[in-house]
Amino acid sequence: MTIQQLEYIVAVNKHRHFVAASEQGGSTQPTLSTRIQKMEVE
């Protein structure tokens, strides 16, 4: 797991909303969802 992946998890936890978390991280909601899915598989 990378630092960036941890930042995604923290942002989702903080905002409780995938769109708001993705905007904070500078990506789109589908990209954020895909990255989190990959982490779940790991």
PDB file of N, CA and C in Angstrom:
ATOM      1  N   MET A   1       0.851  -1.172   0.000  1.00  0.00           N
ATOM      2  CA  MET A   1       0.000   0.000   0.000  1.00  0.00           C
ATOM      3  C   MET A   1       0.898   1.237   0.000  1.00  0.00           C
ATOM      4  N   THR A   2       0.505   2.217  -0.796  1.00  0.00           N
ATOM      5  CA  THR A   2       1.303   3.433  -0.902  1.00  0.00           C
ATOM      6  C   THR A   2       0.707   4.546  -0.035  1.00  0.00           C
ATOM      7  N   ILE A   3       1.483   5.597   0.131  1.00  0.00           N
ATOM      8  CA  ILE A   3       1.009   6.779   0.870  1.00  0.00           C
ATOM      9  C   ILE A   3      -0.216   7.362   0.177  1.00  0.00           C
ATOM     10  N   GLN A   4      -0.194   7.416  -1.135  1.00  0.00           N
ATOM     11  CA  GLN A   4      -1.323   7.983  -1.873  1.00  0.00           C
ATOM     12  C   GLN A   4      -2.589   7.155  -1.647  1.00  0.00           C
ATOM     13  N   GLN A   5      -2.457   5.855  -1.614  1.00  0.00           N
ATOM     14  CA  GLN A   5      -3.614   5.004  -1.355  1.00  0.00           C
ATOM     15  C   GLN A   5      -4.175   5.278   0.041  1.00  0.00           C
ATOM     16  N   LEU A   6      -3.306   5.452   1.010  1.00  0.00           N
ATOM     17  CA  LEU A   6      -3.751   5.788   2.363  1.00  0.00           C
ATOM     18  C   LEU A   6      -4.454   7.142   2.389  1.00  0.00           C
ATOM     19  N   GLU A   7      -3.952   8.076   1.594  1.00  0.00           N
ATOM     20  CA  GLU A   7      -4.582   9.397   1.537  1.00  0.00           C
ATOM     21  C   GLU A   7      -6.003   9.297   0.972  1.00  0.00           C
ATOM     22  N   TYR A   8      -6.203   8.419   0.001  1.00  0.00           N
ATOM     23  CA  TYR A   8      -7.554   8.216  -0.549  1.00  0.00           C
ATOM     24  C   TYR A   8      -8.498   7.700   0.532  1.00  0.00           C
ATOM     25  N   ILE A   9      -8.031   6.735   1.293  1.00  0.00           N
ATOM     26  CA  ILE A   9      -8.869   6.171   2.352  1.00  0.00           C
ATOM     27  C   ILE A   9      -9.204   7.227   3.392  1.00  0.00           C
ATOM     28  N   VAL A  10      -8.222   8.019   3.776  1.00  0.00           N
ATOM     29  CA  VAL A  10      -8.440   9.073   4.772  1.00  0.00           C
ATOM     30  C   VAL A  10      -9.433  10.109   4.232  1.00  0.00           C
ATOM     31  N   ALA A  11      -9.300  10.466   2.965  1.00  0.00           N
ATOM     32  CA  ALA A  11     -10.206  11.464   2.380  1.00  0.00           C
ATOM     33  C   ALA A  11     -11.646  10.951   2.346  1.00  0.00           C
ATOM     34  N   VAL A  12     -11.827   9.689   1.982  1.00  0.00           N
ATOM     35  CA  VAL A  12     -13.186   9.120   1.968  1.00  0.00           C
ATOM     36  C   VAL A  12     -13.745   9.086   3.382  1.00  0.00           C
ATOM     37  N   ASN A  13     -12.929   8.717   4.334  1.00  0.00           N
ATOM     38  CA  ASN A  13     -13.378   8.687   5.723  1.00  0.00           C
ATOM     39  C   ASN A  13     -13.732  10.088   6.212  1.00  0.00           C
ATOM     40  N   LYS A  14     -12.922  11.060   5.865  1.00  0.00           N
ATOM     41  CA  LYS A  14     -13.137  12.442   6.314  1.00  0.00           C
ATOM     42  C   LYS A  14     -14.414  13.025   5.727  1.00  0.00           C
ATOM     43  N   HIS A  15     -14.594  12.845   4.421  1.00  0.00           N
ATOM     44  CA  HIS A  15     -15.724  13.475   3.740  1.00  0.00           C
ATOM     45  C   HIS A  15     -16.986  12.632   3.748  1.00  0.00           C
ATOM     46  N   ARG A  16     -16.822  11.319   3.925  1.00  0.00           N
ATOM     47  CA  ARG A  16     -17.962  10.392   3.883  1.00  0.00           C
ATOM     48  C   ARG A  16     -18.722  10.488   2.566  1.00  0.00           C
ATOM     49  N   HIS A  17     -17.982  10.858   1.516  1.00  0.00           N
ATOM     50  CA  HIS A  17     -18.592  11.048   0.201  1.00  0.00           C
ATOM     51  C   HIS A  17     -17.500  10.886  -0.843  1.00  0.00           C
ATOM     52  N   PHE A  18     -17.697   9.967  -1.790  1.00  0.00           N
ATOM     53  CA  PHE A  18     -16.654   9.674  -2.761  1.00  0.00           C
ATOM     54  C   PHE A  18     -16.351  10.849  -3.686  1.00  0.00           C
ATOM     55  N   VAL A  19     -17.367  11.609  -4.073  1.00  0.00           N
ATOM     56  CA  VAL A  19     -17.124  12.737  -4.979  1.00  0.00           C
ATOM     57  C   VAL A  19     -16.293  13.807  -4.281  1.00  0.00           C
ATOM     58  N   ALA A  20     -16.638  14.134  -3.053  1.00  0.00           N
ATOM     59  CA  ALA A  20     -15.879  15.144  -2.313  1.00  0.00           C
ATOM     60  C   ALA A  20     -14.450  14.673  -2.070  1.00  0.00           C
ATOM     61  N   ALA A  21     -14.287  13.403  -1.760  1.00  0.00           N
ATOM     62  CA  ALA A  21     -12.947  12.854  -1.530  1.00  0.00           C
ATOM     63  C   ALA A  21     -12.120  12.875  -2.803  1.00  0.00           C
ATOM     64  N   SER A  22     -12.748  12.560  -3.926  1.00  0.00           N
ATOM     65  CA  SER A  22     -12.000  12.558  -5.190  1.00  0.00           C
ATOM     66  C   SER A  22     -11.592  13.969  -5.584  1.00  0.00           C
ATOM     67  N   GLU A  23     -12.448  14.942  -5.325  1.00  0.00           N
ATOM     68  CA  GLU A  23     -12.103  16.328  -5.639  1.00  0.00           C
ATOM     69  C   GLU A  23     -10.918  16.781  -4.787  1.00  0.00           C
ATOM     70  N   GLN A  24     -10.875  16.375  -3.535  1.00  0.00           N
ATOM     71  CA  GLN A  24      -9.749  16.726  -2.672  1.00  0.00           C
ATOM     72  C   GLN A  24      -8.464  16.106  -3.198  1.00  0.00           C
ATOM     73  N   GLY A  25      -8.561  14.882  -3.706  1.00  0.00           N
ATOM     74  CA  GLY A  25      -7.380  14.184  -4.192  1.00  0.00           C
ATOM     75  C   GLY A  25      -7.011  14.516  -5.619  1.00  0.00           C
ATOM     76  N   GLY A  26      -7.810  15.325  -6.281  1.00  0.00           N
ATOM     77  CA  GLY A  26      -7.494  15.735  -7.644  1.00  0.00           C
ATOM     78  C   GLY A  26      -7.765  14.667  -8.689  1.00  0.00           C
ATOM     79  N   SER A  27      -8.735  13.793  -8.419  1.00  0.00           N
ATOM     80  CA  SER A  27      -9.101  12.776  -9.403  1.00  0.00           C
ATOM     81  C   SER A  27     -10.614  12.765  -9.571  1.00  0.00           C
ATOM     82  N   THR A  28     -11.091  11.852 -10.384  1.00  0.00           N
ATOM     83  CA  THR A  28     -12.531  11.723 -10.574  1.00  0.00           C
ATOM     84  C   THR A  28     -13.066  10.633  -9.656  1.00  0.00           C
ATOM     85  N   GLN A  29     -14.365  10.628  -9.453  1.00  0.00           N
ATOM     86  CA  GLN A  29     -14.975   9.634  -8.577  1.00  0.00           C
ATOM     87  C   GLN A  29     -14.768   8.213  -9.093  1.00  0.00           C
ATOM     88  N   PRO A  30     -14.946   7.945 -10.400  1.00  0.00           N
ATOM     89  CA  PRO A  30     -14.701   6.577 -10.870  1.00  0.00           C
ATOM     90  C   PRO A  30     -13.250   6.117 -10.653  1.00  0.00           C
ATOM     91  N   THR A  31     -12.310   7.026 -10.821  1.00  0.00           N
ATOM     92  CA  THR A  31     -10.904   6.686 -10.603  1.00  0.00           C
ATOM     93  C   THR A  31     -10.668   6.347  -9.138  1.00  0.00           C
ATOM     94  N   LEU A  32     -11.213   7.151  -8.249  1.00  0.00           N
ATOM     95  CA  LEU A  32     -11.061   6.901  -6.818  1.00  0.00           C
ATOM     96  C   LEU A  32     -11.683   5.561  -6.447  1.00  0.00           C
ATOM     97  N   SER A  33     -12.857   5.290  -6.952  1.00  0.00           N
ATOM     98  CA  SER A  33     -13.526   4.022  -6.654  1.00  0.00           C
ATOM     99  C   SER A  33     -12.710   2.831  -7.132  1.00  0.00           C
ATOM    100  N   THR A  34     -12.143   2.948  -8.326  1.00  0.00           N
ATOM    101  CA  THR A  34     -11.330   1.867  -8.868  1.00  0.00           C
ATOM    102  C   THR A  34     -10.088   1.642  -8.027  1.00  0.00           C
ATOM    103  N   ARG A  35      -9.458   2.704  -7.602  1.00  0.00           N
ATOM    104  CA  ARG A  35      -8.245   2.576  -6.783  1.00  0.00           C
ATOM    105  C   ARG A  35      -8.543   1.939  -5.433  1.00  0.00           C
ATOM    106  N   ILE A  36      -9.665   2.308  -4.855  1.00  0.00           N
ATOM    107  CA  ILE A  36     -10.045   1.716  -3.565  1.00  0.00           C
ATOM    108  C   ILE A  36     -10.387   0.232  -3.759  1.00  0.00           C
ATOM    109  N   GLN A  37     -11.058  -0.093  -4.849  1.00  0.00           N
ATOM    110  CA  GLN A  37     -11.345  -1.498  -5.151  1.00  0.00           C
ATOM    111  C   GLN A  37     -10.066  -2.313  -5.249  1.00  0.00           C
ATOM    112  N   LYS A  38      -9.067  -1.772  -5.916  1.00  0.00           N
ATOM    113  CA  LYS A  38      -7.784  -2.468  -6.041  1.00  0.00           C
ATOM    114  C   LYS A  38      -7.141  -2.696  -4.675  1.00  0.00           C
ATOM    115  N   MET A  39      -7.268  -1.716  -3.780  1.00  0.00           N
ATOM    116  CA  MET A  39      -6.712  -1.868  -2.441  1.00  0.00           C
ATOM    117  C   MET A  39      -7.446  -2.973  -1.685  1.00  0.00           C
ATOM    118  N   GLU A  40      -8.753  -3.069  -1.873  1.00  0.00           N
ATOM    119  CA  GLU A  40      -9.524  -4.105  -1.208  1.00  0.00           C
ATOM    120  C   GLU A  40      -9.083  -5.496  -1.657  1.00  0.00           C
ATOM    121  N   VAL A  41      -8.735  -5.612  -2.933  1.00  0.00           N
ATOM    122  CA  VAL A  41      -8.284  -6.893  -3.460  1.00  0.00           C
ATOM    123  C   VAL A  41      -6.925  -7.273  -2.859  1.00  0.00           C
ATOM    124  N   GLU A  42      -6.070  -6.276  -2.680  1.00  0.00           N
ATOM    125  CA  GLU A  42      -4.747  -6.525  -2.087  1.00  0.00           C
ATOM    126  C   GLU A  42      -4.913  -7.049  -0.688  1.00  0.00           C
TER     127      GLU A  42
END
